[in-house]
Amino acid sequence: MDVVTNWATRLLEFSAALFVFLIGCAVLSIIYIYIRDVTQTQQAIRRNYPVVGRFRYWFEHMGEFFRQYFFALDRDELPFNRAQRSWVYRAAKNVDSTVAFGSTRPLNQPGDVIFLNCPFPTLSEDAVPASAVTFGESVATTPFTTSSFFNISGMSFGALSVPAVQSLSKGAKKAGVWMNTGEGGLSPYHLEGGADIIFQIGTAKYGVRDEQGNLSDEKLQAIAAHEQVRMFEIKMSQGAKPGKGGILPRNKVNAEIAAIRGIPEGEDSISPNGHTEIRSVGDLLDMIARVREVTGKPVGFKAVIGAYGWLETLMEEIHQRGIDSAPDFITIDSADGGTGAAPQSLMDFMGLPIKRSLPMVVDILESYGLKSRVKVIVSGKLINPAEVAWAMCIGADFITSARGFMFSLGCIQALQCNKNTCPTGITTHDPKLQHGLVVSDKAERVAHYAKNLMYEVGVIAHSCGVAEPRQLRRMHAQMINDHGLPDSLDVIHPPVTPKPEFQQRAE
């Protein structure tokens, strides 16, 4: 009994000493912080309110994580609100995505879309799968045919972690959709899942550059030798930063990423804001022709649309050279952000949003009789079935998404993509944070998301009275105008017929 009492007394004495020591450390820390705050000159709040003023910055930082749970309503958060994210989460988990007791979506917000249900909807026995579309038919040595109208947009290895790329690759294969490499080059992790791949050629030519940073035909051929690489996309600009190249901070440029990109390890990877070889529409067509000739595969380009007079110049140049000189596809990105880091002035104010640029590009292609030759791919916050169906009504052949698939991987919109501190392990190379991203589970979620989205676009199409999503037209939807009233899409964007001189080619 005396032994127990003795040990208990010692434990209490030790605990008391430890408590006093910790209190002393806390007091000394507060004194140190106080002195630092009152002597520093960079932040007035800390100087005027030492110690306590620091909580302002902590609350500001933590607000990024908690406002979506405690303060934001279902439909009032940006860049994606809770209703949008929740649908993706449910689709990715393959759980019930139905709702009850009425919609929380107001029906009078300008720009919102309403689909027109048919009194005689398409019955299940009359529905058909989405039809296949061929890129580069009779032009590329190896054309690419696919029926998947919703695919994974460009996200570079480096910007994304290893398990994130592995999950996307394996999930894309399971769902039968393609994935775009982004401008960071082709990694073994892109190939690992066996999915179809679109190789993106960025302004820095990562993965296909020579020692001087110029485009290498030899490396292009090596990439094209992979059967999985189906097409090549020349990136002119992207939605996160129109007019500025990609940014990968040095803390993400490890030895593996440096080797794949062909750049020095541990240095900021900053792409030029444009291709040095492309200064005109003629140069663009020359580059497309060169890549197609070297690789034998379909080639197109990606751009955020801003100034648009050059598009008509491009169409005229195509007709002068011959229709075979046309890009096999144009990818239109919306100017309302993206996964990449960018100056806020570009993220917020540069370029046209997709609701303006998509119908314009489709109409220009139609007017020059090139819509059937040049396929239209569109990207930009199209993560839910209604948004994808709208794009198909307007005239898009394919839709791609980056952030939608990030949500399917478990992204919580923590806005840490550029800091190597992503809490879900998607955009970080910190092994401890990557540990939470289990490839086998996330690959299934990627596949479920793609399949469920395409299924629900089919549901919308059948409700509109057509047999499959590619039959959706502008007459099937209306858009709310500035007065809160709906106008038909084919009134807002009237059908365009080819100019007389291009009528025959359109047919």
Protein backbone atom coordinates (compact mmCIF):
# COMPACT_ATOMS: atom_id res chain seq x y z
CA MET A 1 0.00 0.00 0.00
CA ASP A 2 2.88 2.34 0.85
CA VAL A 3 4.42 1.62 -2.57
CA VAL A 4 1.20 2.62 -4.37
CA THR A 5 0.89 5.78 -2.30
CA ASN A 6 4.51 6.64 -3.00
CA TRP A 7 4.07 6.19 -6.77
CA ALA A 8 0.85 8.22 -6.74
CA THR A 9 2.59 11.04 -4.87
CA ARG A 10 5.46 11.05 -7.36
CA LEU A 11 3.04 11.08 -10.30
CA LEU A 12 1.18 14.04 -8.86
CA GLU A 13 4.44 15.90 -8.20
CA PHE A 14 5.62 15.20 -11.77
CA SER A 15 2.27 16.28 -13.23
CA ALA A 16 2.35 19.49 -11.20
CA ALA A 17 5.92 20.22 -12.29
CA LEU A 18 5.02 19.49 -15.94
CA PHE A 19 1.98 21.77 -15.69
CA VAL A 20 4.06 24.61 -14.24
CA PHE A 21 6.69 24.05 -16.95
CA LEU A 22 4.08 24.18 -19.74
CA ILE A 23 2.49 27.30 -18.26
CA GLY A 24 5.92 28.88 -18.09
CA CYS A 25 6.63 27.97 -21.72
CA ALA A 26 3.26 29.42 -22.74
CA VAL A 27 3.93 32.67 -20.87
CA LEU A 28 7.41 32.96 -22.40
CA SER A 29 5.95 32.26 -25.87
CA ILE A 30 3.32 34.96 -25.41
CA ILE A 31 5.96 37.44 -24.25
CA TYR A 32 8.11 36.56 -27.29
CA ILE A 33 5.16 36.91 -29.67
CA TYR A 34 4.17 40.19 -27.99
CA ILE A 35 7.64 41.63 -28.48
CA ARG A 36 7.75 40.48 -32.11
CA ASP A 37 4.32 41.94 -32.84
CA VAL A 38 4.94 45.37 -31.32
CA THR A 39 8.32 45.70 -33.01
CA GLN A 40 7.41 44.51 -36.51
CA THR A 41 6.29 47.11 -39.05
CA GLN A 42 4.55 45.08 -41.76
CA GLN A 43 1.11 44.51 -40.21
CA ALA A 44 -0.72 47.31 -38.38
CA ILE A 45 -3.22 44.95 -36.71
CA ARG A 46 -0.45 42.94 -35.03
CA ARG A 47 1.41 46.10 -34.03
CA ASN A 48 -1.66 47.71 -32.45
CA TYR A 49 -3.12 44.49 -31.00
CA PRO A 50 -0.15 42.23 -30.23
CA VAL A 51 -0.84 38.49 -29.83
CA VAL A 52 -4.64 38.86 -30.13
CA GLY A 53 -4.33 40.37 -33.61
CA ARG A 54 -2.84 37.13 -34.90
CA PHE A 55 -6.19 35.40 -34.49
CA ARG A 56 -7.56 37.52 -37.34
CA TYR A 57 -5.28 35.83 -39.83
CA TRP A 58 -5.90 32.39 -38.38
CA PHE A 59 -9.69 32.84 -38.57
CA GLU A 60 -9.35 34.16 -42.12
CA HIS A 61 -7.39 31.06 -43.12
CA MET A 62 -9.68 28.59 -41.35
CA GLY A 63 -12.71 30.27 -42.87
CA GLU A 64 -11.73 28.76 -46.24
CA PHE A 65 -12.38 25.33 -44.78
CA PHE A 66 -15.41 25.92 -42.57
CA ARG A 67 -17.58 28.50 -44.30
CA GLN A 68 -18.90 25.87 -46.71
CA TYR A 69 -20.16 23.79 -43.78
CA PHE A 70 -21.51 26.38 -41.34
CA PHE A 71 -22.29 29.60 -43.17
CA ALA A 72 -22.89 29.06 -46.90
CA LEU A 73 -26.31 28.14 -48.22
CA ASP A 74 -26.73 25.35 -50.77
CA ARG A 75 -26.49 27.62 -53.81
CA ASP A 76 -24.58 30.75 -52.80
CA GLU A 77 -20.93 29.64 -52.80
CA LEU A 78 -18.23 30.05 -55.46
CA PRO A 79 -16.56 28.71 -57.49
CA PHE A 80 -18.84 25.69 -56.92
CA ASN A 81 -21.77 25.69 -54.54
CA ARG A 82 -22.79 22.90 -52.21
CA ALA A 83 -25.59 21.65 -54.46
CA GLN A 84 -23.17 21.21 -57.37
CA ARG A 85 -20.54 19.48 -55.26
CA SER A 86 -23.00 17.27 -53.44
CA TRP A 87 -24.33 15.87 -56.71
CA VAL A 88 -20.80 14.95 -57.79
CA TYR A 89 -20.05 13.33 -54.43
CA ARG A 90 -23.21 11.22 -54.60
CA ALA A 91 -22.62 10.25 -58.21
CA ALA A 92 -19.01 9.28 -57.46
CA LYS A 93 -20.08 7.15 -54.51
CA ASN A 94 -22.83 5.63 -56.70
CA VAL A 95 -25.51 6.38 -54.12
CA ASP A 96 -29.02 7.73 -54.59
CA SER A 97 -28.89 11.22 -56.12
CA THR A 98 -32.62 11.95 -55.97
CA VAL A 99 -33.99 14.85 -53.90
CA ALA A 100 -37.37 15.43 -52.26
CA PHE A 101 -39.80 18.21 -51.37
CA GLY A 102 -38.97 20.47 -54.26
CA SER A 103 -35.97 22.14 -55.80
CA THR A 104 -33.84 24.70 -53.96
CA ARG A 105 -32.88 26.22 -57.31
CA PRO A 106 -34.65 29.51 -58.10
CA LEU A 107 -36.17 29.61 -61.57
CA ASN A 108 -35.62 33.30 -62.26
CA GLN A 109 -31.85 33.78 -62.21
CA PRO A 110 -30.43 35.27 -65.46
CA GLY A 111 -28.35 32.75 -67.36
CA ASP A 112 -29.96 29.66 -65.83
CA VAL A 113 -31.14 26.96 -68.21
CA ILE A 114 -34.49 25.18 -68.33
CA PHE A 115 -35.05 22.12 -70.51
CA LEU A 116 -38.35 21.59 -72.32
CA ASN A 117 -39.89 18.23 -71.62
CA CYS A 118 -41.72 16.55 -74.48
CA PRO A 119 -45.31 15.33 -73.97
CA PHE A 120 -44.17 12.08 -75.59
CA PRO A 121 -40.79 11.32 -74.00
CA THR A 122 -38.48 8.65 -75.36
CA LEU A 123 -39.32 5.28 -73.81
CA SER A 124 -36.60 3.05 -72.44
CA GLU A 125 -36.98 0.56 -75.25
CA ASP A 126 -36.47 3.33 -77.82
CA ALA A 127 -33.40 4.90 -76.19
CA VAL A 128 -30.02 4.28 -77.78
CA PRO A 129 -26.44 4.80 -76.56
CA ALA A 130 -24.64 7.99 -77.48
CA SER A 131 -23.42 7.77 -81.06
CA ALA A 132 -19.74 7.58 -81.89
CA VAL A 133 -17.79 10.51 -83.34
CA THR A 134 -14.52 10.23 -85.30
CA PHE A 135 -11.65 12.71 -85.08
CA GLY A 136 -9.36 13.13 -88.09
CA GLU A 137 -11.35 10.95 -90.45
CA SER A 138 -9.59 10.66 -93.85
CA VAL A 139 -6.98 13.17 -92.65
CA ALA A 140 -4.99 11.54 -89.84
CA THR A 141 -3.20 8.25 -90.46
CA THR A 142 -4.76 6.91 -87.24
CA PRO A 143 -8.18 8.54 -86.64
CA PHE A 144 -9.80 8.30 -83.21
CA THR A 145 -13.41 7.19 -82.75
CA THR A 146 -15.21 7.39 -79.41
CA SER A 147 -18.76 7.60 -78.07
CA SER A 148 -17.84 9.02 -74.63
CA PHE A 149 -19.10 12.60 -74.64
CA PHE A 150 -17.87 13.45 -71.09
CA ASN A 151 -14.16 13.13 -70.43
CA ILE A 152 -11.30 14.23 -68.16
CA SER A 153 -9.80 17.62 -68.95
CA GLY A 154 -6.13 18.55 -68.80
CA MET A 155 -4.49 18.29 -65.36
CA SER A 156 -0.72 17.89 -65.32
CA PHE A 157 1.26 15.34 -63.36
CA GLY A 158 3.08 17.66 -61.02
CA ALA A 159 0.04 19.78 -60.41
CA LEU A 160 -1.65 16.50 -59.43
CA SER A 161 -0.15 13.85 -57.18
CA VAL A 162 0.85 10.34 -58.24
CA PRO A 163 -2.19 8.62 -56.65
CA ALA A 164 -4.52 11.22 -58.18
CA VAL A 165 -3.22 10.56 -61.71
CA GLN A 166 -3.33 6.80 -61.12
CA SER A 167 -6.92 7.03 -59.92
CA LEU A 168 -7.99 9.12 -62.89
CA SER A 169 -6.27 6.79 -65.35
CA LYS A 170 -7.81 3.64 -63.92
CA GLY A 171 -11.21 5.25 -63.44
CA ALA A 172 -11.22 6.58 -67.01
CA LYS A 173 -10.54 3.09 -68.33
CA LYS A 174 -13.38 1.63 -66.28
CA ALA A 175 -15.80 4.29 -67.55
CA GLY A 176 -14.58 4.20 -71.16
CA VAL A 177 -13.65 7.90 -71.22
CA TRP A 178 -10.43 9.64 -72.20
CA MET A 179 -8.07 11.67 -70.02
CA ASN A 180 -5.99 14.67 -71.04
CA THR A 181 -2.39 14.77 -69.75
CA GLY A 182 -2.33 18.53 -69.25
CA GLU A 183 0.84 20.34 -70.27
CA GLY A 184 3.17 18.49 -67.86
CA GLY A 185 4.08 15.62 -70.17
CA LEU A 186 3.21 11.91 -70.28
CA SER A 187 4.00 10.01 -67.08
CA PRO A 188 3.91 6.26 -66.45
CA TYR A 189 0.92 6.93 -64.19
CA HIS A 190 -1.16 8.23 -67.11
CA LEU A 191 -0.49 4.98 -68.98
CA GLU A 192 -0.94 2.71 -65.98
CA GLY A 193 -4.72 2.44 -66.14
CA GLY A 194 -4.95 1.75 -69.88
CA ALA A 195 -7.28 4.66 -70.68
CA ASP A 196 -7.34 6.60 -73.94
CA ILE A 197 -5.07 9.65 -73.63
CA ILE A 198 -4.99 13.09 -75.21
CA PHE A 199 -1.45 14.48 -75.05
CA GLN A 200 -1.36 18.21 -74.50
CA ILE A 201 1.47 20.29 -75.94
CA GLY A 202 1.84 23.37 -73.76
CA THR A 203 3.82 26.50 -74.49
CA ALA A 204 6.92 25.04 -72.78
CA LYS A 205 6.65 21.79 -74.80
CA TYR A 206 7.09 19.68 -71.64
CA GLY A 207 7.80 16.07 -72.56
CA VAL A 208 8.37 16.84 -76.25
CA ARG A 209 11.07 19.53 -76.06
CA ASP A 210 14.70 19.44 -77.08
CA GLU A 211 17.56 20.85 -75.00
CA GLN A 212 16.76 24.36 -76.23
CA GLY A 213 13.08 24.04 -75.34
CA ASN A 214 11.90 23.72 -78.94
CA LEU A 215 9.41 21.13 -80.21
CA SER A 216 11.20 17.84 -80.95
CA ASP A 217 9.86 15.65 -83.76
CA GLU A 218 11.75 12.69 -82.33
CA LYS A 219 10.06 13.01 -78.95
CA LEU A 220 6.67 13.58 -80.60
CA GLN A 221 7.10 10.26 -82.42
CA ALA A 222 8.04 8.53 -79.16
CA ILE A 223 4.87 9.79 -77.48
CA ALA A 224 2.72 8.87 -80.50
CA ALA A 225 4.17 5.34 -80.44
CA HIS A 226 2.03 4.64 -77.38
CA GLU A 227 -1.22 3.20 -78.73
CA GLN A 228 -3.14 4.75 -75.82
CA VAL A 229 -2.19 8.26 -76.97
CA ARG A 230 -5.05 8.95 -79.35
CA MET A 231 -4.75 12.68 -80.12
CA PHE A 232 -2.58 15.74 -79.60
CA GLU A 233 -3.85 19.07 -78.29
CA ILE A 234 -1.87 22.30 -78.72
CA LYS A 235 -2.66 24.50 -75.73
CA MET A 236 -2.84 28.17 -76.60
CA SER A 237 -4.41 29.29 -73.31
CA GLN A 238 -6.45 27.96 -70.40
CA GLY A 239 -9.35 29.15 -68.28
CA ALA A 240 -7.35 29.74 -65.11
CA LYS A 241 -5.01 32.21 -66.77
CA PRO A 242 -5.81 33.36 -70.32
CA GLY A 243 -2.68 34.94 -71.74
CA LYS A 244 -0.29 33.40 -69.19
CA GLY A 245 1.57 30.09 -69.12
CA GLY A 246 1.40 27.33 -66.54
CA ILE A 247 2.88 27.78 -63.07
CA LEU A 248 4.32 24.91 -61.02
CA PRO A 249 6.11 26.13 -57.85
CA ARG A 250 9.58 24.76 -57.08
CA ASN A 251 8.40 22.79 -54.04
CA LYS A 252 6.46 20.54 -56.43
CA VAL A 253 9.29 20.05 -58.97
CA ASN A 254 10.88 16.86 -57.69
CA ALA A 255 13.34 14.65 -59.61
CA GLU A 256 10.63 12.57 -61.29
CA ILE A 257 8.57 15.54 -62.45
CA ALA A 258 11.70 17.31 -63.68
CA ALA A 259 12.71 14.25 -65.72
CA ILE A 260 9.27 13.87 -67.32
CA ARG A 261 9.07 17.57 -68.17
CA GLY A 262 12.71 17.92 -69.19
CA ILE A 263 13.44 20.77 -66.77
CA PRO A 264 15.79 21.40 -63.79
CA GLU A 265 14.78 19.92 -60.45
CA GLY A 266 13.78 22.24 -57.61
CA GLU A 267 13.15 25.32 -59.76
CA ASP A 268 9.86 27.04 -60.55
CA SER A 269 8.36 25.59 -63.72
CA ILE A 270 6.85 28.58 -65.52
CA SER A 271 5.68 28.20 -69.10
CA PRO A 272 5.87 31.03 -71.62
CA ASN A 273 2.59 32.87 -72.14
CA GLY A 274 2.49 31.74 -75.75
CA HIS A 275 4.11 29.47 -78.33
CA THR A 276 7.12 31.22 -79.82
CA GLU A 277 6.42 29.49 -83.17
CA ILE A 278 2.78 30.59 -83.32
CA ARG A 279 2.29 34.29 -84.03
CA SER A 280 -0.59 34.05 -86.54
CA VAL A 281 -3.38 31.75 -87.72
CA GLY A 282 -1.04 30.59 -90.47
CA ASP A 283 1.55 29.58 -87.89
CA LEU A 284 -1.12 27.73 -85.92
CA LEU A 285 -2.18 25.72 -88.97
CA ASP A 286 1.48 25.02 -89.77
CA MET A 287 2.00 23.66 -86.25
CA ILE A 288 -1.13 21.49 -86.48
CA ALA A 289 0.02 20.10 -89.84
CA ARG A 290 3.50 19.38 -88.49
CA VAL A 291 2.30 17.52 -85.40
CA ARG A 292 -0.28 15.54 -87.42
CA GLU A 293 2.33 14.56 -90.02
CA VAL A 294 4.91 13.51 -87.41
CA THR A 295 2.48 11.57 -85.19
CA GLY A 296 -0.14 10.38 -87.68
CA LYS A 297 -2.83 11.18 -85.15
CA PRO A 298 -5.60 13.82 -84.92
CA VAL A 299 -4.47 17.25 -83.75
CA GLY A 300 -6.42 20.24 -82.45
CA PHE A 301 -5.90 23.24 -80.22
CA LYS A 302 -7.25 24.57 -76.94
CA ALA A 303 -7.96 28.21 -76.20
CA VAL A 304 -9.95 30.57 -74.05
CA ILE A 305 -11.86 32.81 -76.45
CA GLY A 306 -11.36 36.52 -75.91
CA ALA A 307 -10.80 38.59 -79.02
CA TYR A 308 -12.57 36.60 -81.73
CA GLY A 309 -11.90 38.27 -85.08
CA TRP A 310 -9.03 35.84 -85.57
CA LEU A 311 -11.48 32.93 -85.68
CA GLU A 312 -12.96 34.11 -88.96
CA THR A 313 -9.46 34.73 -90.30
CA LEU A 314 -8.63 31.15 -89.30
CA MET A 315 -11.68 29.80 -91.14
CA GLU A 316 -10.78 31.74 -94.28
CA GLU A 317 -7.19 30.51 -94.13
CA ILE A 318 -8.44 26.92 -93.83
CA HIS A 319 -10.52 27.29 -96.98
CA GLN A 320 -7.60 28.85 -98.83
CA ARG A 321 -5.29 25.97 -97.88
CA GLY A 322 -7.89 23.25 -98.20
CA ILE A 323 -10.24 21.68 -95.70
CA ASP A 324 -7.70 19.00 -94.78
CA SER A 325 -5.58 21.74 -93.17
CA ALA A 326 -8.24 22.36 -90.51
CA PRO A 327 -7.67 21.33 -86.90
CA ASP A 328 -9.41 18.07 -86.11
CA PHE A 329 -10.93 19.70 -83.03
CA ILE A 330 -11.08 22.95 -81.10
CA THR A 331 -11.23 22.83 -77.30
CA ILE A 332 -12.89 25.93 -75.85
CA ASP A 333 -12.11 26.72 -72.23
CA SER A 334 -14.22 29.08 -70.17
CA ALA A 335 -12.64 32.16 -68.63
CA ASP A 336 -13.97 31.58 -65.13
CA GLY A 337 -11.04 29.90 -63.48
CA GLY A 338 -9.64 26.42 -63.31
CA THR A 339 -7.41 24.17 -61.26
CA GLY A 340 -4.23 26.11 -61.98
CA ALA A 341 -2.68 28.92 -59.98
CA ALA A 342 -3.02 32.34 -61.62
CA PRO A 343 -2.97 36.07 -60.94
CA GLN A 344 -6.41 37.10 -59.71
CA SER A 345 -6.64 39.82 -62.36
CA LEU A 346 -6.54 37.13 -65.04
CA MET A 347 -8.66 34.60 -63.15
CA ASP A 348 -11.44 37.13 -62.56
CA PHE A 349 -11.42 39.44 -65.55
CA MET A 350 -9.76 37.96 -68.64
CA GLY A 351 -11.55 36.16 -71.46
CA LEU A 352 -15.12 35.18 -72.29
CA PRO A 353 -17.28 32.80 -70.24
CA ILE A 354 -18.37 29.62 -71.93
CA LYS A 355 -22.01 30.69 -72.29
CA ARG A 356 -20.79 33.40 -74.65
CA SER A 357 -17.86 31.70 -76.40
CA LEU A 358 -19.33 28.24 -77.12
CA PRO A 359 -22.32 29.38 -79.22
CA MET A 360 -20.12 31.90 -81.01
CA VAL A 361 -17.49 29.33 -82.03
CA VAL A 362 -20.14 26.79 -83.08
CA ASP A 363 -21.89 29.43 -85.20
CA ILE A 364 -18.65 30.54 -86.86
CA LEU A 365 -17.83 26.94 -87.76
CA GLU A 366 -21.35 26.50 -89.15
CA SER A 367 -21.16 29.69 -91.20
CA TYR A 368 -17.95 28.49 -92.86
CA GLY A 369 -19.23 24.96 -93.44
CA LEU A 370 -16.65 23.43 -91.11
CA LYS A 371 -18.73 22.14 -88.19
CA SER A 372 -18.71 18.54 -89.40
CA ARG A 373 -14.95 18.68 -90.08
CA VAL A 374 -13.85 20.38 -86.83
CA LYS A 375 -15.17 18.77 -83.65
CA VAL A 376 -15.93 21.05 -80.71
CA ILE A 377 -14.78 20.13 -77.20
CA VAL A 378 -15.80 22.43 -74.36
CA SER A 379 -14.60 22.82 -70.78
CA GLY A 380 -15.38 25.20 -67.93
CA LYS A 381 -17.37 24.44 -64.75
CA LEU A 382 -19.56 21.86 -66.54
CA ILE A 383 -19.67 19.30 -63.74
CA ASN A 384 -23.38 18.42 -63.46
CA PRO A 385 -25.71 16.75 -66.01
CA ALA A 386 -27.75 19.88 -66.81
CA GLU A 387 -24.63 21.90 -67.63
CA VAL A 388 -23.34 19.15 -69.93
CA ALA A 389 -26.75 18.82 -71.61
CA TRP A 390 -26.81 22.60 -72.20
CA ALA A 391 -23.44 22.42 -73.96
CA MET A 392 -24.70 19.62 -76.20
CA CYS A 393 -27.83 21.64 -77.04
CA ILE A 394 -25.61 24.53 -78.12
CA GLY A 395 -23.53 22.30 -80.39
CA ALA A 396 -20.60 20.85 -78.44
CA ASP A 397 -19.51 17.39 -79.54
CA PHE A 398 -17.67 16.62 -76.31
CA ILE A 399 -17.42 18.05 -72.81
CA THR A 400 -14.39 17.75 -70.56
CA SER A 401 -14.04 18.53 -66.86
CA ALA A 402 -11.10 18.89 -64.50
CA ARG A 403 -12.63 20.09 -61.25
CA GLY A 404 -15.60 17.74 -61.55
CA PHE A 405 -13.24 14.78 -61.54
CA MET A 406 -11.26 16.35 -58.69
CA PHE A 407 -14.48 16.38 -56.67
CA SER A 408 -14.97 12.71 -57.56
CA LEU A 409 -11.52 12.06 -56.04
CA GLY A 410 -12.66 13.73 -52.82
CA CYS A 411 -11.68 17.39 -53.31
CA ILE A 412 -13.33 19.59 -50.66
CA GLN A 413 -12.64 22.93 -52.40
CA ALA A 414 -10.09 23.90 -49.76
CA LEU A 415 -8.42 26.27 -52.30
CA GLN A 416 -4.94 24.88 -51.54
CA CYS A 417 -4.17 23.60 -55.07
CA ASN A 418 -1.08 25.77 -55.54
CA LYS A 419 0.44 25.36 -52.05
CA ASN A 420 1.40 21.67 -51.83
CA THR A 421 -0.86 21.45 -48.77
CA CYS A 422 -3.99 19.91 -50.32
CA PRO A 423 -5.74 18.16 -47.39
CA THR A 424 -7.13 15.39 -49.62
CA GLY A 425 -3.82 14.45 -51.25
CA ILE A 426 -4.93 15.38 -54.78
CA THR A 427 -2.66 18.35 -55.54
CA THR A 428 0.22 17.74 -53.15
CA HIS A 429 3.45 15.75 -53.19
CA ASP A 430 3.57 15.45 -49.41
CA PRO A 431 3.54 11.66 -48.76
CA LYS A 432 1.63 12.11 -45.50
CA LEU A 433 -1.22 13.90 -47.26
CA GLN A 434 -1.15 11.55 -50.27
CA HIS A 435 -1.63 8.64 -47.88
CA GLY A 436 -5.32 9.47 -47.55
CA LEU A 437 -5.96 9.00 -51.28
CA VAL A 438 -6.47 5.26 -51.89
CA VAL A 439 -6.19 4.54 -55.62
CA SER A 440 -8.41 1.46 -55.74
CA ASP A 441 -11.28 3.30 -54.06
CA LYS A 442 -10.90 6.60 -55.93
CA ALA A 443 -10.66 4.91 -59.33
CA GLU A 444 -14.10 3.43 -58.72
CA ARG A 445 -15.45 6.85 -57.80
CA VAL A 446 -14.03 8.41 -60.94
CA ALA A 447 -15.73 5.74 -63.05
CA HIS A 448 -19.05 6.06 -61.19
CA TYR A 449 -19.04 9.84 -61.63
CA ALA A 450 -18.46 9.66 -65.39
CA LYS A 451 -21.02 6.89 -65.93
CA ASN A 452 -23.71 8.46 -63.73
CA LEU A 453 -23.30 11.88 -65.32
CA MET A 454 -23.62 10.48 -68.84
CA TYR A 455 -26.61 8.43 -67.74
CA GLU A 456 -28.41 11.49 -66.36
CA VAL A 457 -27.65 13.52 -69.49
CA GLY A 458 -29.40 10.67 -71.28
CA VAL A 459 -32.35 11.04 -68.91
CA ILE A 460 -32.59 14.74 -69.83
CA ALA A 461 -32.39 13.88 -73.53
CA HIS A 462 -35.15 11.28 -73.23
CA SER A 463 -37.35 13.73 -71.34
CA CYS A 464 -36.87 16.16 -74.23
CA GLY A 465 -38.08 13.47 -76.62
CA VAL A 466 -34.83 12.46 -78.36
CA ALA A 467 -33.23 9.04 -78.38
CA GLU A 468 -29.73 10.00 -77.24
CA PRO A 469 -27.76 13.02 -75.97
CA ARG A 470 -26.16 13.92 -79.30
CA GLN A 471 -29.63 14.64 -80.70
CA LEU A 472 -30.18 17.53 -78.28
CA ARG A 473 -30.65 20.86 -80.06
CA ARG A 474 -31.11 24.50 -79.09
CA MET A 475 -34.88 24.20 -79.36
CA HIS A 476 -34.83 21.76 -76.44
CA ALA A 477 -33.82 24.37 -73.83
CA GLN A 478 -34.50 27.92 -72.73
CA MET A 479 -32.37 30.40 -70.78
CA ILE A 480 -33.57 32.93 -68.20
CA ASN A 481 -33.10 36.50 -69.43
CA ASP A 482 -32.37 39.67 -67.43
CA HIS A 483 -36.08 40.07 -66.67
CA GLY A 484 -36.32 36.63 -65.06
CA LEU A 485 -38.20 35.16 -68.03
CA PRO A 486 -37.10 32.24 -70.22
CA ASP A 487 -36.12 32.67 -73.88
CA SER A 488 -35.56 29.75 -76.22
CA LEU A 489 -31.90 29.03 -76.98
CA ASP A 490 -32.67 29.02 -80.70
CA VAL A 491 -34.02 32.57 -80.31
CA ILE A 492 -31.04 33.78 -78.26
CA HIS A 493 -28.67 32.00 -80.65
CA PRO A 494 -30.53 31.66 -83.98
CA PRO A 495 -29.53 28.76 -86.25
CA VAL A 496 -26.75 29.64 -88.67
CA THR A 497 -26.55 28.44 -92.25
CA PRO A 498 -23.27 28.22 -94.18
CA LYS A 499 -22.32 31.19 -96.29
CA PRO A 500 -23.22 30.59 -99.96
CA GLU A 501 -19.59 30.15 -101.02
CA PHE A 502 -19.12 27.40 -98.41
CA GLN A 503 -22.52 25.69 -98.76
CA GLN A 504 -21.24 22.80 -100.87
CA ARG A 505 -18.41 21.97 -98.50
CA ALA A 506 -20.81 21.91 -95.56
CA GLU A 507 -22.86 19.27 -97.35
